[in-house]
Amino acid sequence: MEPRMLLAQVLGFVGAAIAISSFQCKESKKLFLVQIISTMVFSVHYLLLAIDNPSANTGMILNLAGMIRAVFLFFGERKSA
């Protein structure tokens, strides 16, 4: 296996482990921070896969959109009623 593809596989497993660990977060800020990290790792994973398979760009773009969403939720203020 090519070293780049091996790195992509490792990043995929690391991203999945981080995403699964986000279910253990009790505070919403921590949850969104873990999701940001997970989507960044998955974006790099898809970037490495896209070198050989351009259709992986779709996965990368969707993960970047999820990361932007998590950033807005992380920095957003909750207004009390």
C-alpha atoms as a PDB file:
ATOM      1  CA  MET A   1       0.000   0.000   0.000  1.00  0.00           C
ATOM      2  CA  GLU A   2       1.217   3.472  -0.845  1.00  0.00           C
ATOM      3  CA  PRO A   3       2.301   5.571   2.182  1.00  0.00           C
ATOM      4  CA  ARG A   4      -0.177   8.350   1.321  1.00  0.00           C
ATOM      5  CA  MET A   5      -3.060   5.890   1.232  1.00  0.00           C
ATOM      6  CA  LEU A   6      -1.925   4.348   4.503  1.00  0.00           C
ATOM      7  CA  LEU A   7      -1.878   7.815   6.078  1.00  0.00           C
ATOM      8  CA  ALA A   8      -5.381   8.440   4.708  1.00  0.00           C
ATOM      9  CA  GLN A   9      -6.611   5.201   6.303  1.00  0.00           C
ATOM     10  CA  VAL A  10      -5.000   6.050   9.642  1.00  0.00           C
ATOM     11  CA  LEU A  11      -6.554   9.527   9.581  1.00  0.00           C
ATOM     12  CA  GLY A  12      -9.930   7.953   8.827  1.00  0.00           C
ATOM     13  CA  PHE A  13      -9.670   5.732  11.902  1.00  0.00           C
ATOM     14  CA  VAL A  14      -8.447   8.629  14.061  1.00  0.00           C
ATOM     15  CA  GLY A  15     -11.298  10.840  12.841  1.00  0.00           C
ATOM     16  CA  ALA A  16     -13.826   8.104  13.592  1.00  0.00           C
ATOM     17  CA  ALA A  17     -12.402   7.586  17.078  1.00  0.00           C
ATOM     18  CA  ILE A  18     -12.578  11.315  17.794  1.00  0.00           C
ATOM     19  CA  ALA A  19     -16.149  11.509  16.471  1.00  0.00           C
ATOM     20  CA  ILE A  20     -17.219   8.556  18.616  1.00  0.00           C
ATOM     21  CA  SER A  21     -15.577  10.100  21.684  1.00  0.00           C
ATOM     22  CA  SER A  22     -17.666  13.258  21.195  1.00  0.00           C
ATOM     23  CA  PHE A  23     -20.666  11.350  22.564  1.00  0.00           C
ATOM     24  CA  GLN A  24     -18.945  11.387  25.965  1.00  0.00           C
ATOM     25  CA  CYS A  25     -18.949  15.196  26.171  1.00  0.00           C
ATOM     26  CA  LYS A  26     -21.327  16.672  28.693  1.00  0.00           C
ATOM     27  CA  GLU A  27     -20.765  20.348  27.873  1.00  0.00           C
ATOM     28  CA  SER A  28     -21.905  21.698  24.513  1.00  0.00           C
ATOM     29  CA  LYS A  29     -18.745  23.812  24.014  1.00  0.00           C
ATOM     30  CA  LYS A  30     -16.558  20.748  24.457  1.00  0.00           C
ATOM     31  CA  LEU A  31     -18.804  18.736  22.129  1.00  0.00           C
ATOM     32  CA  PHE A  32     -18.505  21.312  19.356  1.00  0.00           C
ATOM     33  CA  LEU A  33     -14.737  21.563  19.834  1.00  0.00           C
ATOM     34  CA  VAL A  34     -14.362  17.793  19.489  1.00  0.00           C
ATOM     35  CA  GLN A  35     -16.588  17.866  16.392  1.00  0.00           C
ATOM     36  CA  ILE A  36     -14.428  20.619  14.873  1.00  0.00           C
ATOM     37  CA  ILE A  37     -11.310  18.529  15.403  1.00  0.00           C
ATOM     38  CA  SER A  38     -13.004  15.422  14.006  1.00  0.00           C
ATOM     39  CA  THR A  39     -14.213  17.151  10.853  1.00  0.00           C
ATOM     40  CA  MET A  40     -10.769  18.688  10.283  1.00  0.00           C
ATOM     41  CA  VAL A  41      -9.174  15.228  10.476  1.00  0.00           C
ATOM     42  CA  PHE A  42     -11.807  13.794   8.133  1.00  0.00           C
ATOM     43  CA  SER A  43     -11.289  16.678   5.696  1.00  0.00           C
ATOM     44  CA  VAL A  44      -7.575  15.889   5.461  1.00  0.00           C
ATOM     45  CA  HIS A  45      -8.481  12.209   5.095  1.00  0.00           C
ATOM     46  CA  TYR A  46     -10.720  12.977   2.110  1.00  0.00           C
ATOM     47  CA  LEU A  47      -8.135  15.379   0.685  1.00  0.00           C
ATOM     48  CA  LEU A  48      -5.589  12.564   0.595  1.00  0.00           C
ATOM     49  CA  LEU A  49      -8.131  10.229  -0.986  1.00  0.00           C
ATOM     50  CA  ALA A  50      -9.081  12.855  -3.590  1.00  0.00           C
ATOM     51  CA  ILE A  51      -5.607  12.742  -5.144  1.00  0.00           C
ATOM     52  CA  ASP A  52      -6.470   9.401  -6.756  1.00  0.00           C
ATOM     53  CA  ASN A  53     -10.257   9.691  -6.751  1.00  0.00           C
ATOM     54  CA  PRO A  54     -11.680  13.168  -7.449  1.00  0.00           C
ATOM     55  CA  SER A  55     -15.133  12.158  -6.203  1.00  0.00           C
ATOM     56  CA  ALA A  56     -13.715  12.194  -2.646  1.00  0.00           C
ATOM     57  CA  ASN A  57     -13.787  16.000  -2.927  1.00  0.00           C
ATOM     58  CA  THR A  58     -17.491  15.814  -2.131  1.00  0.00           C
ATOM     59  CA  GLY A  59     -16.759  14.202   1.233  1.00  0.00           C
ATOM     60  CA  MET A  60     -14.145  16.826   1.977  1.00  0.00           C
ATOM     61  CA  ILE A  61     -16.527  19.688   1.124  1.00  0.00           C
ATOM     62  CA  LEU A  62     -19.317  18.220   3.263  1.00  0.00           C
ATOM     63  CA  ASN A  63     -16.952  17.828   6.205  1.00  0.00           C
ATOM     64  CA  LEU A  64     -15.757  21.403   5.817  1.00  0.00           C
ATOM     65  CA  ALA A  65     -19.399  22.546   5.837  1.00  0.00           C
ATOM     66  CA  GLY A  66     -19.943  20.554   9.041  1.00  0.00           C
ATOM     67  CA  MET A  67     -16.845  22.142  10.532  1.00  0.00           C
ATOM     68  CA  ILE A  68     -18.112  25.642   9.712  1.00  0.00           C
ATOM     69  CA  ARG A  69     -21.438  24.768  11.336  1.00  0.00           C
ATOM     70  CA  ALA A  70     -19.659  23.518  14.477  1.00  0.00           C
ATOM     71  CA  VAL A  71     -17.520  26.679  14.606  1.00  0.00           C
ATOM     72  CA  PHE A  72     -20.619  28.868  14.511  1.00  0.00           C
ATOM     73  CA  LEU A  73     -22.231  26.777  17.249  1.00  0.00           C
ATOM     74  CA  PHE A  74     -19.038  26.866  19.321  1.00  0.00           C
ATOM     75  CA  PHE A  75     -18.716  30.648  19.191  1.00  0.00           C
ATOM     76  CA  GLY A  76     -22.444  31.439  19.174  1.00  0.00           C
ATOM     77  CA  GLU A  77     -24.024  32.933  22.230  1.00  0.00           C
ATOM     78  CA  ARG A  78     -27.082  31.393  23.771  1.00  0.00           C
ATOM     79  CA  LYS A  79     -29.667  33.994  24.661  1.00  0.00           C
ATOM     80  CA  SER A  80     -31.851  33.272  27.630  1.00  0.00           C
ATOM     81  CA  ALA A  81     -35.605  33.692  27.244  1.00  0.00           C
END
